[in-house]
């Protein structure tokens, strides 16, 4: 399909710069397949009333790390050039893939010093790396002087939360973002972007879902900075997704298969959980234990194998995530849903409102 078919105009006033408090008081647009009552305005705290006993929510428990690093390039005889790097996927104990700027001025073999002197932590507050490989679109592989837990501690010391560009362009990251841009159940460190559908949940909502007989299961997909990248191709067939690392345990796979066997529905909290579940599910619909990297790209025409209901925020024009929701609930249905959301003042993107999508059978 043409990428411009997924474009739409979004006024700046619809872009959320801060989350709602309490979190579960965000609005939620319920979108049903054609032939039913298609759109219904609600709030996230209403979620139990739209689900049934025996349904299972699947959450992504990845934890956002402060993966935005600012530093300078160190090259003999050359000026110290400012460098910005956003880590997006760990390669091993000492190496990360990152998007670096200015990409054209960085070469293989360059040393980069991140952080600021004057801080006693982490070798006077600095973290050094060498550019080991250079790819396309500013992507580099950085090999750090530290590894393992020491590297994690150093990144936590000198790094910043990598706010999405549509927020970062309007305000600076602050201490509040360290808690706001993290789900209440985050535990597996490694993401550089939050699984934002989960930002709406609170202990009170969890308790009411439990009381309603809704199961809760967790998977892990470490969201990469590739989620922020625009689609530059003119046709969806020409777009290349970046890999992200994920894990589905044998226990979780068995529990979800049991849900399906007794007629319950799998409700994915976020597109990250959905992409991982679809990667881990066979063509016959069996969820399997799974670990590895996925670059699954879901566009209209895709046949969903695992997920029945999707809870997700409102996404960018021409983004891979708007393509995914259009595949899930129907292209025309989502065009109408987004037009309604914009007109009715729903808040978009990471800190914005939510939607609850029921799958369109094909």
Protein backbone atom coordinates (compact mmCIF):
# COMPACT_ATOMS: atom_id res chain seq x y z
CA UNK A 1 0.00 0.00 0.00
CA UNK A 2 1.07 3.60 -0.49
CA UNK A 3 2.42 5.15 2.69
CA UNK A 4 0.56 8.41 2.05
CA UNK A 5 -2.73 6.52 2.49
CA UNK A 6 -1.90 6.50 6.22
CA UNK A 7 -1.39 10.27 6.46
CA UNK A 8 -3.69 12.65 8.35
CA UNK A 9 -3.56 16.18 9.76
CA UNK A 10 -3.09 16.44 13.51
CA UNK A 11 -3.35 19.85 15.25
CA UNK A 12 -0.60 20.60 17.77
CA UNK A 13 -3.17 20.99 20.53
CA UNK A 14 -3.98 17.25 20.25
CA UNK A 15 -0.40 16.26 21.18
CA UNK A 16 -0.05 15.46 24.90
CA UNK A 17 3.08 16.81 26.61
CA UNK A 18 2.24 15.43 30.07
CA UNK A 19 0.16 12.43 31.19
CA UNK A 20 -3.22 12.62 32.89
CA UNK A 21 -3.32 12.04 36.66
CA UNK A 22 -4.49 9.59 37.90
CA UNK A 23 -3.24 7.53 35.00
CA UNK A 24 -6.43 5.53 34.51
CA UNK A 25 -8.48 8.72 34.03
CA UNK A 26 -7.27 9.06 30.44
CA UNK A 27 -10.00 8.87 27.84
CA UNK A 28 -10.44 5.64 25.88
CA UNK A 29 -12.08 5.36 22.46
CA UNK A 30 -13.67 1.93 21.98
CA UNK A 31 -13.58 0.82 18.34
CA UNK A 32 -15.63 -2.16 17.21
CA UNK A 33 -15.70 -3.84 13.78
CA UNK A 34 -18.07 -2.69 11.03
CA UNK A 35 -21.65 -3.78 11.54
CA UNK A 36 -21.63 -3.08 15.29
CA UNK A 37 -21.75 0.13 17.29
CA UNK A 38 -18.41 1.25 15.86
CA UNK A 39 -17.25 4.04 18.23
CA UNK A 40 -17.87 4.60 21.93
CA UNK A 41 -16.29 7.25 24.16
CA UNK A 42 -15.13 5.96 27.55
CA UNK A 43 -12.26 6.18 30.04
CA UNK A 44 -9.48 3.73 30.85
CA UNK A 45 -11.01 3.05 34.26
CA UNK A 46 -14.02 1.61 32.35
CA UNK A 47 -11.84 -1.16 30.88
CA UNK A 48 -13.29 -4.02 33.04
CA UNK A 49 -16.78 -3.35 31.67
CA UNK A 50 -15.60 -4.02 28.10
CA UNK A 51 -13.96 -7.35 28.91
CA UNK A 52 -15.30 -10.72 30.06
CA UNK A 53 -14.34 -13.14 32.84
CA UNK A 54 -11.68 -15.46 31.44
CA UNK A 55 -10.15 -12.88 29.11
CA UNK A 56 -6.40 -12.31 29.56
CA UNK A 57 -4.51 -9.04 29.43
CA UNK A 58 -0.93 -9.32 28.15
CA UNK A 59 1.50 -6.61 29.29
CA UNK A 60 5.03 -5.78 28.16
CA UNK A 61 7.13 -5.56 31.35
CA UNK A 62 10.19 -3.97 29.73
CA UNK A 63 11.77 -1.11 31.67
CA UNK A 64 12.97 2.09 30.02
CA UNK A 65 16.64 2.93 30.56
CA UNK A 66 18.14 6.45 30.23
CA UNK A 67 19.44 5.62 26.76
CA UNK A 68 19.95 9.16 25.42
CA UNK A 69 23.68 9.94 25.65
CA UNK A 70 25.32 13.31 24.97
CA UNK A 71 29.06 13.63 24.45
CA UNK A 72 31.94 14.63 22.21
CA UNK A 73 33.97 12.86 19.52
CA UNK A 74 37.63 12.46 20.41
CA UNK A 75 39.90 12.31 17.36
CA UNK A 76 43.64 13.12 17.25
CA UNK A 77 44.25 16.53 15.76
CA UNK A 78 40.56 17.23 15.26
CA UNK A 79 38.08 19.52 16.97
CA UNK A 80 35.98 17.98 19.76
CA UNK A 81 32.66 17.54 17.95
CA UNK A 82 29.40 17.28 19.95
CA UNK A 83 27.73 13.89 19.46
CA UNK A 84 24.28 12.63 20.45
CA UNK A 85 23.57 8.89 20.56
CA UNK A 86 20.32 7.05 21.26
CA UNK A 87 20.93 3.43 22.21
CA UNK A 88 18.33 1.13 20.65
CA UNK A 89 19.45 -2.51 20.90
CA UNK A 90 22.02 -4.29 23.04
CA UNK A 91 24.39 -6.56 21.09
CA UNK A 92 26.30 -8.07 24.03
CA UNK A 93 27.72 -7.08 27.43
CA UNK A 94 29.81 -4.19 26.08
CA UNK A 95 28.20 -3.26 22.76
CA UNK A 96 25.04 -1.40 21.76
CA UNK A 97 23.55 -0.39 18.43
CA UNK A 98 22.67 3.30 18.46
CA UNK A 99 21.41 6.11 16.27
CA UNK A 100 24.09 8.82 16.32
CA UNK A 101 24.09 12.45 15.23
CA UNK A 102 25.72 14.02 13.32
CA UNK A 103 25.96 10.68 11.52
CA UNK A 104 27.96 11.92 8.54
CA UNK A 105 30.83 13.20 10.74
CA UNK A 106 31.30 9.96 12.68
CA UNK A 107 33.69 7.30 11.38
CA UNK A 108 34.59 3.76 12.36
CA UNK A 109 37.38 3.93 14.95
CA UNK A 110 36.26 7.25 16.45
CA UNK A 111 36.23 7.44 20.24
CA UNK A 112 33.31 9.19 21.91
CA UNK A 113 33.20 10.46 25.47
CA UNK A 114 29.74 10.71 27.00
CA UNK A 115 28.82 12.53 30.19
CA UNK A 116 30.33 15.45 32.03
CA UNK A 117 33.36 15.84 34.25
CA UNK A 118 32.98 17.03 37.80
CA UNK A 119 30.84 14.08 38.85
CA UNK A 120 32.47 11.48 41.10
CA UNK A 121 30.43 8.60 39.71
CA UNK A 122 31.53 6.46 36.80
CA UNK A 123 35.13 7.60 36.34
CA UNK A 124 34.41 11.28 36.97
CA UNK A 125 31.04 11.03 35.24
CA UNK A 126 32.32 10.01 31.82
CA UNK A 127 31.66 6.95 29.70
CA UNK A 128 33.79 6.22 26.64
CA UNK A 129 33.06 4.11 23.59
CA UNK A 130 34.59 3.38 20.19
CA UNK A 131 32.60 3.31 16.95
CA UNK A 132 33.00 -0.29 15.83
CA UNK A 133 30.61 -0.34 12.86
CA UNK A 134 28.61 2.19 10.86
CA UNK A 135 25.37 1.42 9.03
CA UNK A 136 22.65 3.35 7.28
CA UNK A 137 20.60 6.33 8.55
CA UNK A 138 23.09 7.22 11.27
CA UNK A 139 23.12 3.79 12.92
CA UNK A 140 26.40 2.79 14.58
CA UNK A 141 27.66 -0.01 16.81
CA UNK A 142 29.34 1.34 19.95
CA UNK A 143 31.78 -0.75 22.00
CA UNK A 144 32.01 0.71 25.50
CA UNK A 145 34.96 0.58 27.89
CA UNK A 146 32.65 -0.98 30.50
CA UNK A 147 30.55 -4.13 30.19
CA UNK A 148 27.73 -5.92 31.98
CA UNK A 149 26.44 -4.40 35.22
CA UNK A 150 29.20 -1.76 35.23
CA UNK A 151 28.03 -0.50 31.85
CA UNK A 152 24.41 -0.47 33.00
CA UNK A 153 25.37 1.64 36.01
CA UNK A 154 27.38 4.02 33.83
CA UNK A 155 24.51 4.49 31.37
CA UNK A 156 22.13 5.15 34.26
CA UNK A 157 24.54 7.80 35.56
CA UNK A 158 25.22 9.78 32.40
CA UNK A 159 22.12 9.00 30.30
CA UNK A 160 18.80 10.76 29.90
CA UNK A 161 15.29 9.46 29.21
CA UNK A 162 14.92 9.58 25.39
CA UNK A 163 11.59 11.37 25.10
CA UNK A 164 9.88 10.98 21.71
CA UNK A 165 10.82 13.78 19.32
CA UNK A 166 7.28 15.20 19.23
CA UNK A 167 7.62 15.89 22.98
CA UNK A 168 11.35 16.69 23.09
CA UNK A 169 10.88 19.36 20.41
CA UNK A 170 8.46 21.22 22.68
CA UNK A 171 10.05 20.84 26.12
CA UNK A 172 13.10 19.40 27.87
CA UNK A 173 13.12 16.09 29.72
CA UNK A 174 12.91 16.51 33.48
CA UNK A 175 13.00 14.39 36.62
CA UNK A 176 9.24 13.77 36.46
CA UNK A 177 9.67 11.93 33.16
CA UNK A 178 11.75 9.27 34.92
CA UNK A 179 8.56 8.09 36.62
CA UNK A 180 5.92 9.27 34.13
CA UNK A 181 7.60 7.47 31.20
CA UNK A 182 7.59 4.10 32.98
CA UNK A 183 4.81 1.58 33.53
CA UNK A 184 3.99 0.66 37.12
CA UNK A 185 4.97 -2.98 36.41
CA UNK A 186 8.24 -2.36 34.53
CA UNK A 187 10.98 -4.77 35.65
CA UNK A 188 13.14 -6.00 32.74
CA UNK A 189 15.62 -3.24 31.86
CA UNK A 190 16.44 -2.68 28.21
CA UNK A 191 13.87 -0.47 26.47
CA UNK A 192 14.66 2.97 25.12
CA UNK A 193 10.98 3.80 24.63
CA UNK A 194 8.05 3.02 26.89
CA UNK A 195 5.29 0.57 25.93
CA UNK A 196 2.93 3.51 26.29
CA UNK A 197 -0.40 1.67 26.40
CA UNK A 198 0.69 0.39 29.82
CA UNK A 199 1.21 3.90 31.20
CA UNK A 200 -2.55 4.10 31.88
CA UNK A 201 -2.67 1.34 34.50
CA UNK A 202 -2.87 1.87 38.25
CA UNK A 203 -3.02 -0.47 41.28
CA UNK A 204 -6.73 0.35 41.61
CA UNK A 205 -7.43 -0.65 38.00
CA UNK A 206 -5.47 -3.88 38.48
CA UNK A 207 -7.59 -4.68 41.54
CA UNK A 208 -10.85 -4.11 39.65
CA UNK A 209 -9.66 -6.23 36.73
CA UNK A 210 -8.83 -9.01 39.20
CA UNK A 211 -12.30 -8.72 40.72
CA UNK A 212 -13.81 -9.00 37.23
CA UNK A 213 -12.00 -12.30 36.58
CA UNK A 214 -9.57 -10.89 34.00
CA UNK A 215 -6.22 -12.69 33.91
CA UNK A 216 -2.90 -10.86 33.75
CA UNK A 217 0.23 -12.13 31.99
CA UNK A 218 3.57 -10.58 31.06
CA UNK A 219 5.94 -10.78 28.11
CA UNK A 220 9.08 -8.74 27.40
CA UNK A 221 9.90 -6.78 24.26
CA UNK A 222 12.66 -4.20 24.60
CA UNK A 223 11.29 -1.30 22.58
CA UNK A 224 13.96 0.29 20.37
CA UNK A 225 14.44 3.84 19.11
CA UNK A 226 13.41 2.60 15.67
CA UNK A 227 9.84 3.12 16.85
CA UNK A 228 10.44 6.89 16.47
CA UNK A 229 11.80 6.69 12.92
CA UNK A 230 9.58 7.98 10.12
CA UNK A 231 8.66 5.76 7.19
CA UNK A 232 10.58 7.26 4.28
CA UNK A 233 9.55 4.73 1.62
CA UNK A 234 6.64 5.54 -0.68
CA UNK A 235 5.27 2.01 -0.48
CA UNK A 236 4.93 -0.12 2.66
CA UNK A 237 6.59 -3.03 0.84
CA UNK A 238 9.84 -1.05 0.72
CA UNK A 239 10.04 -0.15 4.43
CA UNK A 240 12.58 -1.96 6.62
CA UNK A 241 11.77 -2.48 10.31
CA UNK A 242 14.50 -2.46 12.96
CA UNK A 243 14.93 -5.55 15.13
CA UNK A 244 13.83 -5.62 18.76
CA UNK A 245 14.67 -8.26 21.37
CA UNK A 246 11.85 -10.13 23.08
CA UNK A 247 10.94 -13.11 25.27
CA UNK A 248 7.80 -15.18 25.90
CA UNK A 249 8.17 -17.74 28.69
CA UNK A 250 6.87 -21.30 28.42
CA UNK A 251 4.60 -20.61 31.40
CA UNK A 252 3.03 -17.58 29.74
CA UNK A 253 2.62 -19.39 26.41
CA UNK A 254 0.83 -22.29 28.11
CA UNK A 255 -1.45 -19.94 30.05
CA UNK A 256 -2.46 -18.04 26.90
CA UNK A 257 -3.14 -21.25 24.99
CA UNK A 258 -5.40 -22.33 27.87
CA UNK A 259 -7.26 -19.01 27.65
CA UNK A 260 -7.93 -19.57 23.95
CA UNK A 261 -8.93 -23.21 24.47
CA UNK A 262 -11.72 -22.27 26.89
CA UNK A 263 -13.04 -19.48 24.69
CA UNK A 264 -11.39 -16.49 26.35
CA UNK A 265 -9.80 -13.62 24.47
CA UNK A 266 -6.20 -12.44 24.42
CA UNK A 267 -6.13 -8.69 25.01
CA UNK A 268 -2.80 -7.13 24.11
CA UNK A 269 -1.84 -4.04 26.07
CA UNK A 270 0.12 -2.18 23.43
CA UNK A 271 1.44 -2.81 19.95
CA UNK A 272 4.74 -4.09 21.38
CA UNK A 273 3.00 -6.96 23.19
CA UNK A 274 1.00 -7.67 20.03
CA UNK A 275 4.03 -7.76 17.75
CA UNK A 276 5.82 -10.13 20.12
CA UNK A 277 2.81 -12.44 20.50
CA UNK A 278 2.30 -12.58 16.74
CA UNK A 279 6.00 -13.42 16.32
CA UNK A 280 5.69 -16.23 18.87
CA UNK A 281 2.48 -17.78 17.49
CA UNK A 282 2.28 -20.51 14.86
CA UNK A 283 0.00 -20.31 11.82
CA UNK A 284 -2.37 -22.69 13.62
CA UNK A 285 -2.75 -20.21 16.50
CA UNK A 286 -0.57 -21.84 19.16
CA UNK A 287 1.47 -19.44 21.27
CA UNK A 288 4.96 -20.86 21.81
CA UNK A 289 7.82 -20.08 24.18
CA UNK A 290 10.02 -17.69 22.25
CA UNK A 291 13.22 -15.67 22.60
CA UNK A 292 15.07 -13.65 20.01
CA UNK A 293 14.74 -10.59 17.79
CA UNK A 294 11.74 -9.66 15.71
CA UNK A 295 11.28 -7.19 12.88
CA UNK A 296 7.67 -8.13 12.14
CA UNK A 297 5.91 -5.42 10.10
CA UNK A 298 2.11 -5.59 10.19
CA UNK A 299 0.08 -3.84 7.50
CA UNK A 300 -3.49 -4.26 6.18
CA UNK A 301 -3.94 -7.77 4.83
CA UNK A 302 -2.05 -9.43 7.68
CA UNK A 303 -3.88 -12.40 9.28
CA UNK A 304 -3.70 -12.15 13.06
CA UNK A 305 -2.96 -15.42 14.84
CA UNK A 306 -3.01 -14.64 18.56
CA UNK A 307 -4.54 -11.31 19.61
CA UNK A 308 -8.29 -10.63 19.75
CA UNK A 309 -8.39 -7.17 21.36
CA UNK A 310 -5.78 -4.40 21.34
CA UNK A 311 -5.43 -1.52 23.78
CA UNK A 312 -3.16 1.18 22.36
CA UNK A 313 -2.53 4.93 22.27
CA UNK A 314 -3.07 7.14 19.23
CA UNK A 315 -0.17 7.04 16.78
CA UNK A 316 1.69 9.28 14.33
CA UNK A 317 0.57 9.86 10.75
CA UNK A 318 2.26 7.52 8.25
CA UNK A 319 3.77 5.48 11.09
CA UNK A 320 4.17 1.71 11.18
CA UNK A 321 1.93 1.68 14.27
CA UNK A 322 -0.95 3.43 12.52
CA UNK A 323 -0.53 0.83 9.76
CA UNK A 324 -0.72 -1.92 12.41
CA UNK A 325 -3.96 -0.66 13.97
CA UNK A 326 -5.44 -0.23 10.50
CA UNK A 327 -4.64 -3.88 9.83
CA UNK A 328 -6.17 -4.91 13.15
CA UNK A 329 -9.47 -3.01 13.20
CA UNK A 330 -9.86 -2.21 9.50
CA UNK A 331 -8.42 0.59 7.37
CA UNK A 332 -11.64 2.56 6.91
CA UNK A 333 -12.71 1.98 10.53
CA UNK A 334 -9.46 3.46 11.83
CA UNK A 335 -9.64 6.40 9.44
CA UNK A 336 -13.03 7.22 10.95
CA UNK A 337 -11.85 6.55 14.52
CA UNK A 338 -8.90 8.92 14.21
CA UNK A 339 -11.05 11.62 12.59
CA UNK A 340 -13.46 11.33 15.55
CA UNK A 341 -10.61 11.40 18.06
CA UNK A 342 -9.10 14.56 16.57
CA UNK A 343 -12.43 16.38 16.37
CA UNK A 344 -13.41 15.33 19.89
CA UNK A 345 -10.12 16.48 21.45
CA UNK A 346 -8.48 13.16 22.28
CA UNK A 347 -4.82 13.51 23.30
CA UNK A 348 -2.33 11.77 21.01
CA UNK A 349 0.99 9.92 21.34
CA UNK A 350 3.00 8.62 24.29
CA UNK A 351 1.41 10.68 27.09
CA UNK A 352 -1.98 10.78 25.39
CA UNK A 353 -5.29 8.94 25.61
CA UNK A 354 -6.02 5.32 24.79
CA UNK A 355 -8.13 3.26 22.42
CA UNK A 356 -9.58 -0.24 22.75
CA UNK A 357 -9.75 -2.00 19.39
CA UNK A 358 -11.71 -5.16 18.68
CA UNK A 359 -10.21 -7.19 15.83
CA UNK A 360 -11.88 -7.10 12.44
CA UNK A 361 -12.17 -10.69 11.19
CA UNK A 362 -10.97 -11.23 7.64
